Amino acid sequence: MACTLYFSRNPNPRLAVAVARHLDAPVDFQFAEPLAPGEAEKYRHLNPSLRLPILGEAGRSLWEADAIACRLSRMQGSDFWRQGDDEPDMIRWISWSRDHFMRACDIVHFERGTKPRYGLGPLDEAALADGLATFQASAAILDAHLRQQHWLLASGLSYADFRMATFLPFNDIARLPLGEHPALQAWYGRLMALPGWADPFAGLSAPELPPVPA
């Protein structure tokens, strides 16, 4: 069954493309800009919020990266999205990341990357400090966990690892101190050894994000 994955180079769409590439899912990749002038009505029927990623399939659509990852994993008969006894543990890490590690990465990336990239106002020093503090606290928890095993789940690589790392491909801009957490840094090195994660846009028509002013 033909599917279309509408994406951009931003963090959550990148995550969805990486999942599709990692799973070798049978999807057509289509770069999209729903928020660009004159583009909204092309996508509103697919996602009324006009946010990416979107998976179009057989006259229906699915949005939100986690839901798309679940669908692609089941489509491929993969345990990348766990369905057995490990599923609660996987969901635990996905949920925790949203309020802690991933939230921290998002705050710092927004202040150091998104704002200057799109001219969204001056750096908020208080928000940046909050993001960095939350990063250090959550990174310490992850580092201790990853000293015991290579992936978040003892059974091996899962979608939880991809979700946790959503913002790390943009760390050249965010400058989060991964090096202060060796087990966490080694875990991310293992992710970067996976071609689908390291370069999900290889061979795709996907314009680069606007540069961040120096």
N, C-alpha and C. Protein backbone atom coordinates (compact mmCIF):
# COMPACT_ATOMS: atom_id res chain seq x y z
N MET A 1 0.85 -1.19 0.00
CA MET A 1 0.00 0.00 0.00
C MET A 1 0.89 1.24 0.00
N ALA A 2 0.65 2.15 -0.95
CA ALA A 2 1.49 3.34 -1.08
C ALA A 2 1.20 4.34 0.03
N CYS A 3 2.26 4.85 0.63
CA CYS A 3 2.15 5.87 1.67
C CYS A 3 3.04 7.04 1.28
N THR A 4 2.66 8.22 1.71
CA THR A 4 3.48 9.41 1.51
C THR A 4 3.82 10.00 2.86
N LEU A 5 5.10 10.22 3.08
CA LEU A 5 5.55 10.86 4.31
C LEU A 5 5.93 12.30 3.97
N TYR A 6 5.16 13.23 4.47
CA TYR A 6 5.42 14.66 4.26
C TYR A 6 6.35 15.12 5.38
N PHE A 7 7.43 15.77 5.00
CA PHE A 7 8.48 16.05 5.98
C PHE A 7 9.16 17.37 5.69
N SER A 8 9.96 17.80 6.66
CA SER A 8 10.91 18.90 6.49
C SER A 8 12.18 18.48 7.23
N ARG A 9 13.13 19.39 7.33
CA ARG A 9 14.38 19.09 8.04
C ARG A 9 14.32 19.44 9.52
N ASN A 10 13.19 19.87 10.02
CA ASN A 10 13.06 20.21 11.44
C ASN A 10 13.07 18.94 12.30
N PRO A 11 13.23 19.08 13.62
CA PRO A 11 13.49 17.91 14.47
C PRO A 11 12.46 16.78 14.39
N ASN A 12 11.18 17.04 14.58
CA ASN A 12 10.22 15.95 14.57
C ASN A 12 10.03 15.32 13.19
N PRO A 13 9.94 16.12 12.12
CA PRO A 13 9.91 15.49 10.80
C PRO A 13 11.17 14.68 10.50
N ARG A 14 12.34 15.19 10.93
CA ARG A 14 13.57 14.42 10.74
C ARG A 14 13.46 13.07 11.44
N LEU A 15 12.91 13.07 12.64
CA LEU A 15 12.73 11.84 13.39
C LEU A 15 11.90 10.83 12.60
N ALA A 16 10.78 11.29 12.03
CA ALA A 16 9.92 10.39 11.27
C ALA A 16 10.62 9.84 10.04
N VAL A 17 11.38 10.67 9.35
CA VAL A 17 12.13 10.19 8.18
C VAL A 17 13.18 9.17 8.61
N ALA A 18 13.85 9.43 9.73
CA ALA A 18 14.86 8.49 10.22
C ALA A 18 14.24 7.13 10.54
N VAL A 19 13.05 7.13 11.15
CA VAL A 19 12.36 5.88 11.44
C VAL A 19 12.05 5.14 10.14
N ALA A 20 11.49 5.86 9.17
CA ALA A 20 11.15 5.23 7.89
C ALA A 20 12.39 4.66 7.21
N ARG A 21 13.48 5.39 7.24
CA ARG A 21 14.72 4.91 6.63
C ARG A 21 15.28 3.70 7.39
N HIS A 22 15.26 3.78 8.70
CA HIS A 22 15.78 2.67 9.51
C HIS A 22 14.99 1.39 9.26
N LEU A 23 13.68 1.53 9.11
CA LEU A 23 12.82 0.37 8.91
C LEU A 23 12.71 -0.04 7.45
N ASP A 24 13.29 0.76 6.56
CA ASP A 24 13.15 0.53 5.12
C ASP A 24 11.67 0.44 4.75
N ALA A 25 10.89 1.37 5.28
CA ALA A 25 9.45 1.37 5.07
C ALA A 25 9.12 1.80 3.64
N PRO A 26 8.09 1.23 3.04
CA PRO A 26 7.72 1.55 1.66
C PRO A 26 6.91 2.84 1.57
N VAL A 27 7.58 3.96 1.73
CA VAL A 27 6.90 5.25 1.68
C VAL A 27 7.55 6.12 0.62
N ASP A 28 6.76 7.01 0.07
CA ASP A 28 7.27 8.07 -0.78
C ASP A 28 7.51 9.29 0.10
N PHE A 29 8.68 9.86 -0.03
CA PHE A 29 9.04 11.02 0.78
C PHE A 29 8.73 12.30 0.00
N GLN A 30 8.03 13.21 0.63
CA GLN A 30 7.69 14.47 -0.02
C GLN A 30 7.98 15.64 0.90
N PHE A 31 8.93 16.45 0.51
CA PHE A 31 9.24 17.66 1.28
C PHE A 31 8.03 18.59 1.24
N ALA A 32 7.70 19.20 2.37
CA ALA A 32 6.50 20.04 2.45
C ALA A 32 6.76 21.26 3.31
N GLU A 33 6.04 22.33 3.03
CA GLU A 33 6.12 23.58 3.80
C GLU A 33 4.70 24.10 4.03
N PRO A 34 3.92 23.44 4.88
CA PRO A 34 2.52 23.86 5.07
C PRO A 34 2.34 25.28 5.56
N LEU A 35 3.33 25.83 6.25
CA LEU A 35 3.20 27.17 6.81
C LEU A 35 3.73 28.25 5.87
N ALA A 36 4.25 27.86 4.72
CA ALA A 36 4.73 28.85 3.76
C ALA A 36 3.53 29.57 3.12
N PRO A 37 3.73 30.80 2.68
CA PRO A 37 2.63 31.55 2.05
C PRO A 37 2.00 30.77 0.90
N GLY A 38 0.67 30.65 0.94
CA GLY A 38 -0.08 30.00 -0.13
C GLY A 38 -0.10 28.50 -0.09
N GLU A 39 0.54 27.88 0.91
CA GLU A 39 0.64 26.42 0.97
C GLU A 39 -0.37 25.75 1.88
N ALA A 40 -0.95 26.49 2.80
CA ALA A 40 -1.74 25.89 3.88
C ALA A 40 -2.86 24.98 3.38
N GLU A 41 -3.60 25.42 2.37
CA GLU A 41 -4.78 24.65 1.95
C GLU A 41 -4.42 23.32 1.29
N LYS A 42 -3.18 23.16 0.87
CA LYS A 42 -2.75 21.88 0.32
C LYS A 42 -2.65 20.80 1.39
N TYR A 43 -2.51 21.23 2.65
CA TYR A 43 -2.21 20.29 3.72
C TYR A 43 -3.24 20.28 4.84
N ARG A 44 -4.13 21.24 4.86
CA ARG A 44 -5.07 21.35 5.98
C ARG A 44 -5.93 20.10 6.12
N HIS A 45 -6.28 19.46 5.00
CA HIS A 45 -7.10 18.25 5.07
C HIS A 45 -6.32 17.07 5.62
N LEU A 46 -4.99 17.16 5.58
CA LEU A 46 -4.14 16.10 6.11
C LEU A 46 -3.86 16.30 7.60
N ASN A 47 -3.68 17.55 8.00
CA ASN A 47 -3.45 17.88 9.41
C ASN A 47 -3.93 19.29 9.65
N PRO A 48 -5.02 19.47 10.37
CA PRO A 48 -5.57 20.82 10.56
C PRO A 48 -4.62 21.77 11.29
N SER A 49 -3.64 21.23 12.01
CA SER A 49 -2.67 22.10 12.67
C SER A 49 -1.55 22.54 11.74
N LEU A 50 -1.50 21.94 10.54
CA LEU A 50 -0.49 22.28 9.52
C LEU A 50 0.93 21.97 9.99
N ARG A 51 1.08 21.01 10.88
CA ARG A 51 2.40 20.63 11.38
C ARG A 51 2.86 19.32 10.73
N LEU A 52 4.17 19.21 10.60
CA LEU A 52 4.79 17.99 10.08
C LEU A 52 5.45 17.23 11.21
N PRO A 53 5.61 15.90 11.05
CA PRO A 53 5.38 15.08 9.87
C PRO A 53 3.92 14.65 9.73
N ILE A 54 3.58 14.24 8.51
CA ILE A 54 2.27 13.67 8.21
C ILE A 54 2.48 12.43 7.37
N LEU A 55 1.77 11.37 7.69
CA LEU A 55 1.79 10.15 6.88
C LEU A 55 0.44 10.02 6.18
N GLY A 56 0.46 10.11 4.86
CA GLY A 56 -0.76 9.94 4.08
C GLY A 56 -0.84 8.51 3.57
N GLU A 57 -2.01 7.89 3.76
CA GLU A 57 -2.14 6.48 3.42
C GLU A 57 -3.60 6.16 3.09
N ALA A 58 -3.86 5.71 1.87
CA ALA A 58 -5.17 5.20 1.47
C ALA A 58 -6.31 6.14 1.85
N GLY A 59 -6.17 7.40 1.46
CA GLY A 59 -7.24 8.35 1.69
C GLY A 59 -7.37 8.85 3.11
N ARG A 60 -6.42 8.52 3.97
CA ARG A 60 -6.46 9.03 5.34
C ARG A 60 -5.07 9.54 5.70
N SER A 61 -4.98 10.21 6.83
CA SER A 61 -3.68 10.73 7.24
C SER A 61 -3.46 10.49 8.73
N LEU A 62 -2.20 10.45 9.07
CA LEU A 62 -1.77 10.26 10.46
C LEU A 62 -0.70 11.29 10.72
N TRP A 63 -0.85 12.05 11.80
CA TRP A 63 0.19 12.99 12.15
C TRP A 63 0.69 12.72 13.56
N GLU A 64 1.77 13.36 13.91
CA GLU A 64 2.57 13.17 15.14
C GLU A 64 3.59 12.04 14.93
N ALA A 65 4.85 12.37 15.21
CA ALA A 65 5.95 11.45 14.92
C ALA A 65 5.81 10.12 15.64
N ASP A 66 5.36 10.13 16.90
CA ASP A 66 5.25 8.87 17.64
C ASP A 66 4.23 7.95 16.98
N ALA A 67 3.08 8.50 16.60
CA ALA A 67 2.05 7.69 15.95
C ALA A 67 2.56 7.14 14.62
N ILE A 68 3.27 7.96 13.87
CA ILE A 68 3.81 7.52 12.58
C ILE A 68 4.85 6.42 12.79
N ALA A 69 5.69 6.55 13.80
CA ALA A 69 6.68 5.50 14.09
C ALA A 69 5.99 4.19 14.43
N CYS A 70 4.94 4.26 15.22
CA CYS A 70 4.18 3.06 15.57
C CYS A 70 3.60 2.41 14.31
N ARG A 71 2.99 3.23 13.46
CA ARG A 71 2.38 2.70 12.24
C ARG A 71 3.41 2.08 11.31
N LEU A 72 4.53 2.74 11.11
CA LEU A 72 5.56 2.21 10.20
C LEU A 72 6.16 0.92 10.74
N SER A 73 6.36 0.86 12.04
CA SER A 73 6.92 -0.34 12.65
C SER A 73 5.98 -1.53 12.46
N ARG A 74 4.70 -1.31 12.68
CA ARG A 74 3.73 -2.40 12.50
C ARG A 74 3.60 -2.77 11.03
N MET A 75 3.66 -1.78 10.17
CA MET A 75 3.60 -2.03 8.74
C MET A 75 4.72 -2.97 8.30
N GLN A 76 5.88 -2.80 8.92
CA GLN A 76 7.05 -3.59 8.56
C GLN A 76 7.20 -4.86 9.41
N GLY A 77 6.29 -5.10 10.33
CA GLY A 77 6.39 -6.27 11.18
C GLY A 77 7.63 -6.24 12.07
N SER A 78 8.01 -5.03 12.50
CA SER A 78 9.22 -4.83 13.28
C SER A 78 8.90 -4.63 14.76
N ASP A 79 9.84 -5.01 15.61
CA ASP A 79 9.66 -4.75 17.04
C ASP A 79 10.35 -3.45 17.44
N PHE A 80 10.70 -2.62 16.46
CA PHE A 80 11.29 -1.32 16.77
C PHE A 80 10.36 -0.55 17.70
N TRP A 81 9.06 -0.58 17.40
CA TRP A 81 8.04 -0.15 18.36
C TRP A 81 7.56 -1.41 19.06
N ARG A 82 7.97 -1.58 20.30
CA ARG A 82 7.67 -2.81 21.01
C ARG A 82 6.16 -3.01 21.19
N GLN A 83 5.74 -4.27 21.16
CA GLN A 83 4.34 -4.60 21.38
C GLN A 83 4.15 -5.59 22.53
N GLY A 84 5.24 -6.18 22.99
CA GLY A 84 5.13 -7.17 24.05
C GLY A 84 5.41 -6.59 25.42
N ASP A 85 6.07 -7.38 26.25
CA ASP A 85 6.31 -6.97 27.63
C ASP A 85 7.21 -5.74 27.75
N ASP A 86 7.99 -5.45 26.70
CA ASP A 86 8.87 -4.28 26.74
C ASP A 86 8.16 -2.98 26.39
N GLU A 87 6.93 -3.06 25.91
CA GLU A 87 6.26 -1.84 25.46
C GLU A 87 6.08 -0.82 26.58
N PRO A 88 5.64 -1.21 27.79
CA PRO A 88 5.52 -0.20 28.85
C PRO A 88 6.84 0.51 29.16
N ASP A 89 7.95 -0.23 29.14
CA ASP A 89 9.24 0.38 29.42
C ASP A 89 9.61 1.36 28.31
N MET A 90 9.33 1.00 27.06
CA MET A 90 9.59 1.91 25.95
C MET A 90 8.77 3.19 26.10
N ILE A 91 7.49 3.03 26.42
CA ILE A 91 6.62 4.19 26.57
C ILE A 91 7.05 5.04 27.76
N ARG A 92 7.56 4.39 28.80
CA ARG A 92 8.08 5.14 29.95
C ARG A 92 9.15 6.14 29.51
N TRP A 93 10.11 5.66 28.69
CA TRP A 93 11.19 6.54 28.26
C TRP A 93 10.70 7.61 27.30
N ILE A 94 9.76 7.27 26.42
CA ILE A 94 9.19 8.27 25.52
C ILE A 94 8.51 9.38 26.32
N SER A 95 7.71 8.97 27.30
CA SER A 95 6.99 9.94 28.13
C SER A 95 7.96 10.79 28.94
N TRP A 96 8.94 10.14 29.55
CA TRP A 96 9.91 10.86 30.38
C TRP A 96 10.69 11.87 29.55
N SER A 97 11.04 11.49 28.34
CA SER A 97 11.84 12.39 27.51
C SER A 97 11.10 13.69 27.24
N ARG A 98 9.80 13.61 27.06
CA ARG A 98 9.03 14.81 26.72
C ARG A 98 9.07 15.85 27.84
N ASP A 99 9.10 15.42 29.07
CA ASP A 99 9.08 16.34 30.21
C ASP A 99 10.47 16.65 30.76
N HIS A 100 11.48 15.94 30.29
CA HIS A 100 12.80 16.10 30.90
C HIS A 100 13.88 16.28 29.83
N PHE A 101 14.51 15.20 29.38
CA PHE A 101 15.66 15.35 28.49
C PHE A 101 15.31 16.04 27.18
N MET A 102 14.30 15.55 26.49
CA MET A 102 13.94 16.15 25.20
C MET A 102 13.42 17.57 25.38
N ARG A 103 12.69 17.80 26.44
CA ARG A 103 12.21 19.17 26.73
C ARG A 103 13.40 20.11 26.90
N ALA A 104 14.41 19.67 27.64
CA ALA A 104 15.59 20.51 27.85
C ALA A 104 16.29 20.80 26.53
N CYS A 105 16.46 19.77 25.73
CA CYS A 105 17.12 19.96 24.42
C CYS A 105 16.32 20.93 23.56
N ASP A 106 15.01 20.81 23.60
CA ASP A 106 14.12 21.68 22.82
C ASP A 106 14.28 23.15 23.25
N ILE A 107 14.28 23.39 24.55
CA ILE A 107 14.40 24.76 25.05
C ILE A 107 15.71 25.39 24.59
N VAL A 108 16.81 24.65 24.76
CA VAL A 108 18.12 25.20 24.41
C VAL A 108 18.23 25.39 22.90
N HIS A 109 17.75 24.41 22.13
CA HIS A 109 17.80 24.54 20.68
C HIS A 109 16.94 25.72 20.20
N PHE A 110 15.79 25.93 20.84
CA PHE A 110 14.93 27.05 20.45
C PHE A 110 15.65 28.38 20.68
N GLU A 111 16.31 28.51 21.83
CA GLU A 111 16.97 29.78 22.15
C GLU A 111 18.21 30.01 21.30
N ARG A 112 18.99 28.97 21.08
CA ARG A 112 20.26 29.14 20.37
C ARG A 112 20.16 28.89 18.87
N GLY A 113 19.09 28.19 18.45
CA GLY A 113 18.98 27.84 17.04
C GLY A 113 17.76 28.43 16.36
N THR A 114 16.58 28.05 16.82
CA THR A 114 15.34 28.44 16.12
C THR A 114 15.14 29.95 16.13
N LYS A 115 15.33 30.58 17.28
CA LYS A 115 15.11 32.04 17.35
C LYS A 115 16.01 32.81 16.37
N PRO A 116 17.31 32.62 16.41
CA PRO A 116 18.13 33.38 15.45
C PRO A 116 17.94 32.92 14.01
N ARG A 117 17.62 31.65 13.81
CA ARG A 117 17.43 31.15 12.44
C ARG A 117 16.26 31.85 11.75
N TYR A 118 15.19 32.09 12.51
CA TYR A 118 13.98 32.65 11.92
C TYR A 118 13.67 34.07 12.41
N GLY A 119 14.61 34.69 13.13
CA GLY A 119 14.42 36.06 13.60
C GLY A 119 13.25 36.20 14.55
N LEU A 120 13.17 35.32 15.55
CA LEU A 120 12.04 35.29 16.47
C LEU A 120 12.28 36.04 17.77
N GLY A 121 13.27 36.89 17.79
CA GLY A 121 13.48 37.70 18.98
C GLY A 121 14.80 37.38 19.67
N PRO A 122 15.11 38.14 20.72
CA PRO A 122 16.39 37.98 21.40
C PRO A 122 16.44 36.72 22.27
N LEU A 123 17.64 36.34 22.60
CA LEU A 123 17.87 35.22 23.51
C LEU A 123 17.23 35.50 24.87
N ASP A 124 16.49 34.52 25.38
CA ASP A 124 15.91 34.60 26.72
C ASP A 124 16.86 33.88 27.67
N GLU A 125 17.64 34.65 28.40
CA GLU A 125 18.68 34.07 29.26
C GLU A 125 18.09 33.16 30.33
N ALA A 126 16.93 33.53 30.88
CA ALA A 126 16.31 32.72 31.93
C ALA A 126 15.85 31.38 31.37
N ALA A 127 15.24 31.41 30.18
CA ALA A 127 14.80 30.16 29.56
C ALA A 127 15.99 29.28 29.23
N LEU A 128 17.05 29.89 28.71
CA LEU A 128 18.25 29.12 28.39
C LEU A 128 18.83 28.48 29.64
N ALA A 129 18.91 29.22 30.73
CA ALA A 129 19.44 28.68 31.98
C ALA A 129 18.58 27.52 32.48
N ASP A 130 17.26 27.66 32.36
CA ASP A 130 16.35 26.57 32.76
C ASP A 130 16.58 25.34 31.91
N GLY A 131 16.72 25.55 30.60
CA GLY A 131 16.96 24.43 29.71
C GLY A 131 18.26 23.71 30.01
N LEU A 132 19.32 24.47 30.25
CA LEU A 132 20.61 23.86 30.54
C LEU A 132 20.59 23.11 31.87
N ALA A 133 19.90 23.67 32.87
CA ALA A 133 19.80 23.00 34.16
C ALA A 133 19.01 21.70 34.04
N THR A 134 17.91 21.74 33.29
CA THR A 134 17.12 20.52 33.09
C THR A 134 17.90 19.49 32.29
N PHE A 135 18.68 19.96 31.32
CA PHE A 135 19.53 19.04 30.57
C PHE A 135 20.51 18.33 31.50
N GLN A 136 21.20 19.07 32.33
CA GLN A 136 22.21 18.45 33.20
C GLN A 136 21.57 17.44 34.14
N ALA A 137 20.41 17.76 34.70
CA ALA A 137 19.76 16.83 35.63
C ALA A 137 19.30 15.57 34.92
N SER A 138 18.67 15.72 33.76
CA SER A 138 18.16 14.55 33.04
C SER A 138 19.29 13.77 32.38
N ALA A 139 20.31 14.47 31.89
CA ALA A 139 21.45 13.77 31.28
C ALA A 139 22.16 12.91 32.31
N ALA A 140 22.23 13.37 33.56
CA ALA A 140 22.86 12.56 34.61
C ALA A 140 22.09 11.26 34.83
N ILE A 141 20.77 11.32 34.79
CA ILE A 141 19.94 10.12 34.94
C ILE A 141 20.17 9.17 33.76
N LEU A 142 20.17 9.71 32.55
CA LEU A 142 20.40 8.88 31.37
C LEU A 142 21.80 8.27 31.38
N ASP A 143 22.78 9.07 31.76
CA ASP A 143 24.16 8.58 31.77
C ASP A 143 24.31 7.39 32.73
N ALA A 144 23.71 7.51 33.91
CA ALA A 144 23.77 6.40 34.87
C ALA A 144 23.09 5.16 34.31
N HIS A 145 21.96 5.33 33.66
CA HIS A 145 21.24 4.20 33.07
C HIS A 145 22.06 3.55 31.96
N LEU A 146 22.67 4.38 31.11
CA LEU A 146 23.38 3.86 29.94
C LEU A 146 24.77 3.33 30.28
N ARG A 147 25.20 3.49 31.51
CA ARG A 147 26.42 2.79 31.94
C ARG A 147 26.16 1.30 32.09
N GLN A 148 24.89 0.94 32.25
CA GLN A 148 24.53 -0.46 32.50
C GLN A 148 24.19 -1.22 31.21
N GLN A 149 23.82 -0.52 30.14
CA GLN A 149 23.40 -1.18 28.91
C GLN A 149 23.56 -0.21 27.74
N HIS A 150 23.61 -0.75 26.54
CA HIS A 150 23.89 0.05 25.35
C HIS A 150 22.71 0.90 24.90
N TRP A 151 21.49 0.43 25.14
CA TRP A 151 20.29 1.13 24.67
C TRP A 151 19.35 1.36 25.85
N LEU A 152 18.33 2.17 25.65
CA LEU A 152 17.42 2.46 26.75
C LEU A 152 16.72 1.22 27.27
N LEU A 153 16.37 0.31 26.36
CA LEU A 153 15.76 -0.96 26.77
C LEU A 153 16.84 -2.04 26.81
N ALA A 154 16.76 -2.90 27.80
CA ALA A 154 17.73 -3.99 27.92
C ALA A 154 17.67 -4.92 26.72
N SER A 155 16.52 -4.99 26.06
CA SER A 155 16.36 -5.89 24.91
C SER A 155 16.94 -5.33 23.63
N GLY A 156 17.43 -4.08 23.64
CA GLY A 156 18.08 -3.54 22.47
C GLY A 156 17.45 -2.26 21.94
N LEU A 157 17.93 -1.86 20.79
CA LEU A 157 17.48 -0.62 20.15
C LEU A 157 15.96 -0.61 19.98
N SER A 158 15.36 0.53 20.27
CA SER A 158 13.92 0.70 20.07
C SER A 158 13.64 2.14 19.68
N TYR A 159 12.39 2.41 19.38
CA TYR A 159 12.00 3.77 19.04
C TYR A 159 12.30 4.75 20.17
N ALA A 160 12.32 4.28 21.40
CA ALA A 160 12.62 5.17 22.52
C ALA A 160 13.98 5.85 22.35
N ASP A 161 14.96 5.12 21.81
CA ASP A 161 16.27 5.72 21.58
C ASP A 161 16.20 6.84 20.55
N PHE A 162 15.48 6.60 19.46
CA PHE A 162 15.33 7.64 18.44
C PHE A 162 14.61 8.85 19.03
N ARG A 163 13.53 8.61 19.76
CA ARG A 163 12.75 9.72 20.30
C ARG A 163 13.58 10.54 21.28
N MET A 164 14.34 9.88 22.15
CA MET A 164 15.15 10.58 23.13
C MET A 164 16.16 11.50 22.45
N ALA A 165 16.66 11.09 21.29
CA ALA A 165 17.73 11.81 20.60
C ALA A 165 17.22 12.82 19.59
N THR A 166 15.93 13.14 19.59
CA THR A 166 15.32 13.96 18.54
C THR A 166 16.12 15.22 18.23
N PHE A 167 16.59 15.93 19.25
CA PHE A 167 17.23 17.23 19.02
C PHE A 167 18.76 17.14 18.91
N LEU A 168 19.33 15.99 19.16
CA LEU A 168 20.79 15.91 19.18
C LEU A 168 21.45 16.09 17.82
N PRO A 169 20.79 15.76 16.69
CA PRO A 169 21.44 16.07 15.41
C PRO A 169 21.66 17.57 15.17
N PHE A 170 21.04 18.40 16.01
CA PHE A 170 21.15 19.85 15.88
C PHE A 170 22.07 20.43 16.96
N ASN A 171 22.88 19.57 17.56
CA ASN A 171 23.67 20.03 18.70
C ASN A 171 24.85 20.90 18.29
N ASP A 172 25.17 20.94 17.00
CA ASP A 172 26.19 21.89 16.56
C ASP A 172 25.73 23.32 16.83
N ILE A 173 24.40 23.53 16.86
CA ILE A 173 23.83 24.84 17.16
C ILE A 173 23.50 24.97 18.65
N ALA A 174 22.91 23.92 19.23
CA ALA A 174 22.48 24.00 20.64
C ALA A 174 23.66 23.97 21.62
N ARG A 175 24.73 23.27 21.25
CA ARG A 175 25.95 23.21 22.06
C ARG A 175 25.70 22.67 23.47
N LEU A 176 24.88 21.64 23.56
CA LEU A 176 24.67 20.97 24.84
C LEU A 176 25.91 20.17 25.19
N PRO A 177 26.31 20.14 26.46
CA PRO A 177 27.58 19.51 26.85
C PRO A 177 27.50 17.99 26.98
N LEU A 178 27.32 17.31 25.86
CA LEU A 178 27.24 15.85 25.90
C LEU A 178 28.52 15.23 26.44
N GLY A 179 29.65 15.88 26.17
CA GLY A 179 30.93 15.33 26.60
C GLY A 179 31.08 15.19 28.10
N GLU A 180 30.24 15.88 28.86
CA GLU A 180 30.29 15.75 30.32
C GLU A 180 29.61 14.48 30.80
N HIS A 181 29.00 13.74 29.89
CA HIS A 181 28.25 12.53 30.23
C HIS A 181 28.69 11.40 29.29
N PRO A 182 29.78 10.72 29.62
CA PRO A 182 30.42 9.79 28.67
C PRO A 182 29.53 8.66 28.18
N ALA A 183 28.73 8.07 29.05
CA ALA A 183 27.88 6.96 28.61
C ALA A 183 26.79 7.47 27.66
N LEU A 184 26.28 8.65 27.95
CA LEU A 184 25.28 9.27 27.07
C LEU A 184 25.91 9.59 25.72
N GLN A 185 27.11 10.12 25.74
CA GLN A 185 27.79 10.43 24.48
C GLN A 185 28.08 9.16 23.68
N ALA A 186 28.47 8.09 24.35
CA ALA A 186 28.72 6.82 23.66
C ALA A 186 27.45 6.26 23.05
N TRP A 187 26.34 6.38 23.78
CA TRP A 187 25.04 5.95 23.25
C TRP A 187 24.71 6.70 21.98
N TYR A 188 24.92 8.01 21.99
CA TYR A 188 24.61 8.77 20.79
C TYR A 188 25.55 8.40 19.65
N GLY A 189 26.78 8.05 19.97
CA GLY A 189 27.69 7.56 18.95
C GLY A 189 27.18 6.28 18.29
N ARG A 190 26.57 5.41 19.08
CA ARG A 190 25.98 4.18 18.51
C ARG A 190 24.81 4.52 17.59
N LEU A 191 24.02 5.51 17.97
CA LEU A 191 22.94 5.94 17.07
C LEU A 191 23.50 6.50 15.77
N MET A 192 24.55 7.28 15.87
CA MET A 192 25.14 7.89 14.67
C MET A 192 25.79 6.86 13.75
N ALA A 193 26.02 5.66 14.24
CA ALA A 193 26.54 4.59 13.39
C ALA A 193 25.46 3.94 12.54
N LEU A 194 24.19 4.29 12.79
CA LEU A 194 23.07 3.76 12.01
C LEU A 194 22.81 4.70 10.84
N PRO A 195 22.95 4.23 9.60
CA PRO A 195 22.80 5.14 8.45
C PRO A 195 21.47 5.87 8.41
N GLY A 196 20.38 5.18 8.76
CA GLY A 196 19.07 5.81 8.71
C GLY A 196 18.95 6.97 9.67
N TRP A 197 19.66 6.88 10.80
CA TRP A 197 19.65 7.98 11.76
C TRP A 197 20.64 9.06 11.36
N ALA A 198 21.83 8.66 10.97
CA ALA A 198 22.90 9.62 10.73
C ALA A 198 22.61 10.54 9.55
N ASP A 199 21.99 10.00 8.49
CA ASP A 199 21.74 10.80 7.29
C ASP A 199 20.41 10.41 6.67
N PRO A 200 19.31 10.71 7.35
CA PRO A 200 18.01 10.27 6.86
C PRO A 200 17.60 10.91 5.53
N PHE A 201 18.20 12.05 5.20
CA PHE A 201 17.79 12.76 3.99
C PHE A 201 18.63 12.40 2.77
N ALA A 202 19.49 11.41 2.91
CA ALA A 202 20.35 11.02 1.78
C ALA A 202 19.50 10.67 0.56
N GLY A 203 19.79 11.33 -0.56
CA GLY A 203 19.09 11.05 -1.79
C GLY A 203 17.74 11.71 -1.94
N LEU A 204 17.29 12.44 -0.91
CA LEU A 204 15.97 13.09 -0.96
C LEU A 204 16.11 14.56 -1.36
N SER A 205 15.06 15.08 -1.97
CA SER A 205 15.00 16.50 -2.26
C SER A 205 14.52 17.20 -0.99
N ALA A 206 15.44 17.83 -0.30
CA ALA A 206 15.13 18.42 1.01
C ALA A 206 16.01 19.64 1.22
N PRO A 207 15.52 20.82 0.88
CA PRO A 207 16.32 22.05 1.07
C PRO A 207 16.82 22.19 2.51
N GLU A 208 18.01 22.69 2.64
CA GLU A 208 18.59 22.90 3.97
C GLU A 208 17.80 23.96 4.73
N LEU A 209 17.85 23.87 6.05
CA LEU A 209 17.27 24.91 6.89
C LEU A 209 18.04 26.21 6.68
N PRO A 210 17.39 27.35 6.89
CA PRO A 210 18.13 28.62 6.81
C PRO A 210 19.29 28.61 7.80
N PRO A 211 20.40 29.23 7.45
CA PRO A 211 21.54 29.25 8.37
C PRO A 211 21.27 30.07 9.61
N VAL A 212 21.94 29.70 10.69
CA VAL A 212 21.88 30.50 11.92
C VAL A 212 22.94 31.58 11.84
N PRO A 213 22.58 32.85 11.97
CA PRO A 213 23.58 33.91 11.88
C PRO A 213 24.68 33.73 12.92
N ALA A 214 25.87 34.04 12.54
CA ALA A 214 27.01 33.91 13.45
C ALA A 214 26.90 34.92 14.59
